């Protein structure tokens, strides 16, 4: 089974992690844009938003 995190483009992984961690520490919502690798090998852009439950 493939995890969703493993699909995120390697050049975007650290930035996304840091952005989400910062939002959690500041108790605010986050919004991130990143690329994933589609099963056909192409790149797709993703937009994600969320907030940790406080």
N, C-alpha and C. Protein backbone atom coordinates (compact mmCIF):
# COMPACT_ATOMS: atom_id res chain seq x y z
N UNK A 1 0.84 -1.18 0.00
CA UNK A 1 0.00 0.00 0.00
C UNK A 1 0.89 1.25 0.00
N UNK A 2 0.54 2.22 -0.81
CA UNK A 2 1.30 3.46 -0.93
C UNK A 2 0.67 4.53 -0.07
N UNK A 3 1.48 5.23 0.73
CA UNK A 3 0.94 6.33 1.52
C UNK A 3 0.85 7.58 0.66
N UNK A 4 -0.09 8.44 0.98
CA UNK A 4 -0.24 9.68 0.22
C UNK A 4 1.03 10.52 0.32
N UNK A 5 1.63 10.59 1.50
CA UNK A 5 2.84 11.39 1.70
C UNK A 5 3.96 10.96 0.76
N UNK A 6 4.04 9.68 0.42
CA UNK A 6 5.10 9.20 -0.46
C UNK A 6 4.90 9.66 -1.91
N UNK A 7 3.70 10.13 -2.24
CA UNK A 7 3.43 10.62 -3.59
C UNK A 7 3.86 12.07 -3.78
N UNK A 8 4.06 12.80 -2.67
CA UNK A 8 4.43 14.22 -2.74
C UNK A 8 5.83 14.34 -3.34
N UNK A 9 5.98 15.26 -4.28
CA UNK A 9 7.26 15.49 -4.94
C UNK A 9 8.33 15.75 -3.89
N UNK A 10 9.49 15.13 -4.04
CA UNK A 10 10.55 15.23 -3.03
C UNK A 10 11.00 16.67 -2.80
N UNK A 11 10.91 17.53 -3.82
CA UNK A 11 11.31 18.93 -3.67
C UNK A 11 10.31 19.74 -2.85
N UNK A 12 9.10 19.21 -2.65
CA UNK A 12 8.06 19.92 -1.90
C UNK A 12 7.88 19.39 -0.48
N UNK A 13 8.38 18.20 -0.18
CA UNK A 13 8.10 17.55 1.10
C UNK A 13 8.52 18.36 2.32
N UNK A 14 9.74 18.85 2.36
CA UNK A 14 10.22 19.57 3.55
C UNK A 14 9.43 20.86 3.76
N UNK A 15 9.20 21.60 2.68
CA UNK A 15 8.48 22.87 2.78
C UNK A 15 7.07 22.65 3.33
N UNK A 16 6.38 21.64 2.82
CA UNK A 16 5.03 21.34 3.28
C UNK A 16 5.04 20.98 4.77
N UNK A 17 5.96 20.11 5.15
CA UNK A 17 6.05 19.70 6.54
C UNK A 17 6.27 20.92 7.44
N UNK A 18 7.21 21.79 7.07
CA UNK A 18 7.51 22.96 7.89
C UNK A 18 6.32 23.92 7.94
N UNK A 19 5.66 24.15 6.82
CA UNK A 19 4.50 25.04 6.79
C UNK A 19 3.38 24.54 7.69
N UNK A 20 3.11 23.25 7.63
CA UNK A 20 2.03 22.68 8.45
C UNK A 20 2.41 22.69 9.92
N UNK A 21 3.66 22.34 10.23
CA UNK A 21 4.11 22.37 11.63
C UNK A 21 4.02 23.77 12.22
N UNK A 22 4.41 24.78 11.43
CA UNK A 22 4.34 26.17 11.90
C UNK A 22 2.89 26.56 12.18
N UNK A 23 1.98 26.19 11.30
CA UNK A 23 0.57 26.51 11.50
C UNK A 23 0.03 25.83 12.76
N UNK A 24 0.43 24.59 12.99
CA UNK A 24 -0.02 23.88 14.19
C UNK A 24 0.50 24.57 15.44
N UNK A 25 1.77 24.95 15.44
CA UNK A 25 2.37 25.62 16.60
C UNK A 25 1.70 26.97 16.86
N UNK A 26 1.28 27.64 15.80
CA UNK A 26 0.64 28.95 15.93
C UNK A 26 -0.88 28.84 16.07
N UNK A 27 -1.37 27.61 16.08
CA UNK A 27 -2.80 27.33 16.24
C UNK A 27 -3.64 28.08 15.20
N UNK A 28 -3.22 27.96 13.95
CA UNK A 28 -3.94 28.61 12.86
C UNK A 28 -4.13 27.61 11.71
N UNK A 29 -5.07 27.89 10.82
CA UNK A 29 -5.26 27.02 9.66
C UNK A 29 -4.04 27.09 8.73
N UNK A 30 -3.89 26.05 7.93
CA UNK A 30 -2.81 26.05 6.94
C UNK A 30 -3.38 25.88 5.54
N UNK A 31 -2.63 26.38 4.57
CA UNK A 31 -2.92 26.17 3.15
C UNK A 31 -1.60 25.92 2.46
N UNK A 32 -1.50 24.82 1.74
CA UNK A 32 -0.27 24.47 1.04
C UNK A 32 -0.59 24.05 -0.40
N UNK A 33 0.36 24.32 -1.27
CA UNK A 33 0.27 23.91 -2.67
C UNK A 33 1.52 23.08 -2.95
N UNK A 34 1.33 21.92 -3.57
CA UNK A 34 2.46 21.03 -3.82
C UNK A 34 2.15 20.12 -5.01
N UNK A 35 3.17 19.42 -5.43
CA UNK A 35 3.04 18.50 -6.56
C UNK A 35 3.01 17.06 -6.05
N UNK A 36 2.25 16.23 -6.74
CA UNK A 36 2.30 14.79 -6.48
C UNK A 36 2.65 14.09 -7.79
N UNK A 37 3.15 12.87 -7.65
CA UNK A 37 3.43 12.02 -8.81
C UNK A 37 2.20 11.15 -9.06
N UNK A 38 1.62 11.30 -10.22
CA UNK A 38 0.47 10.49 -10.61
C UNK A 38 0.97 9.11 -11.01
N UNK A 39 0.12 8.12 -10.99
CA UNK A 39 0.55 6.76 -11.33
C UNK A 39 1.08 6.63 -12.75
N UNK A 40 0.68 7.56 -13.65
CA UNK A 40 1.22 7.51 -15.02
C UNK A 40 2.57 8.23 -15.14
N UNK A 41 3.10 8.73 -14.01
CA UNK A 41 4.41 9.38 -14.00
C UNK A 41 4.36 10.89 -14.13
N UNK A 42 3.19 11.43 -14.46
CA UNK A 42 3.08 12.88 -14.60
C UNK A 42 2.97 13.55 -13.23
N UNK A 43 3.17 14.86 -13.21
CA UNK A 43 3.03 15.63 -11.98
C UNK A 43 1.66 16.30 -11.98
N UNK A 44 1.06 16.35 -10.81
CA UNK A 44 -0.22 17.04 -10.64
C UNK A 44 -0.06 18.02 -9.47
N UNK A 45 -0.66 19.18 -9.62
CA UNK A 45 -0.62 20.17 -8.55
C UNK A 45 -1.80 19.94 -7.62
N UNK A 46 -1.52 20.03 -6.31
CA UNK A 46 -2.53 19.84 -5.28
C UNK A 46 -2.60 21.09 -4.42
N UNK A 47 -3.78 21.40 -3.94
CA UNK A 47 -4.00 22.49 -3.01
C UNK A 47 -4.70 21.88 -1.80
N UNK A 48 -4.17 22.14 -0.62
CA UNK A 48 -4.70 21.51 0.58
C UNK A 48 -4.84 22.57 1.66
N UNK A 49 -5.89 22.43 2.42
CA UNK A 49 -6.06 23.30 3.58
C UNK A 49 -6.54 22.45 4.75
N UNK A 50 -6.26 22.92 5.94
CA UNK A 50 -6.68 22.19 7.12
C UNK A 50 -6.37 22.94 8.38
N UNK A 51 -6.71 22.35 9.48
CA UNK A 51 -6.43 22.92 10.80
C UNK A 51 -6.44 21.78 11.79
N UNK A 52 -5.47 21.81 12.68
CA UNK A 52 -5.41 20.80 13.73
C UNK A 52 -6.53 21.04 14.72
N UNK A 53 -7.07 19.98 15.27
CA UNK A 53 -8.10 20.14 16.30
C UNK A 53 -7.47 20.59 17.60
N UNK A 54 -7.92 21.71 18.11
CA UNK A 54 -7.30 22.26 19.33
C UNK A 54 -8.21 22.04 20.51
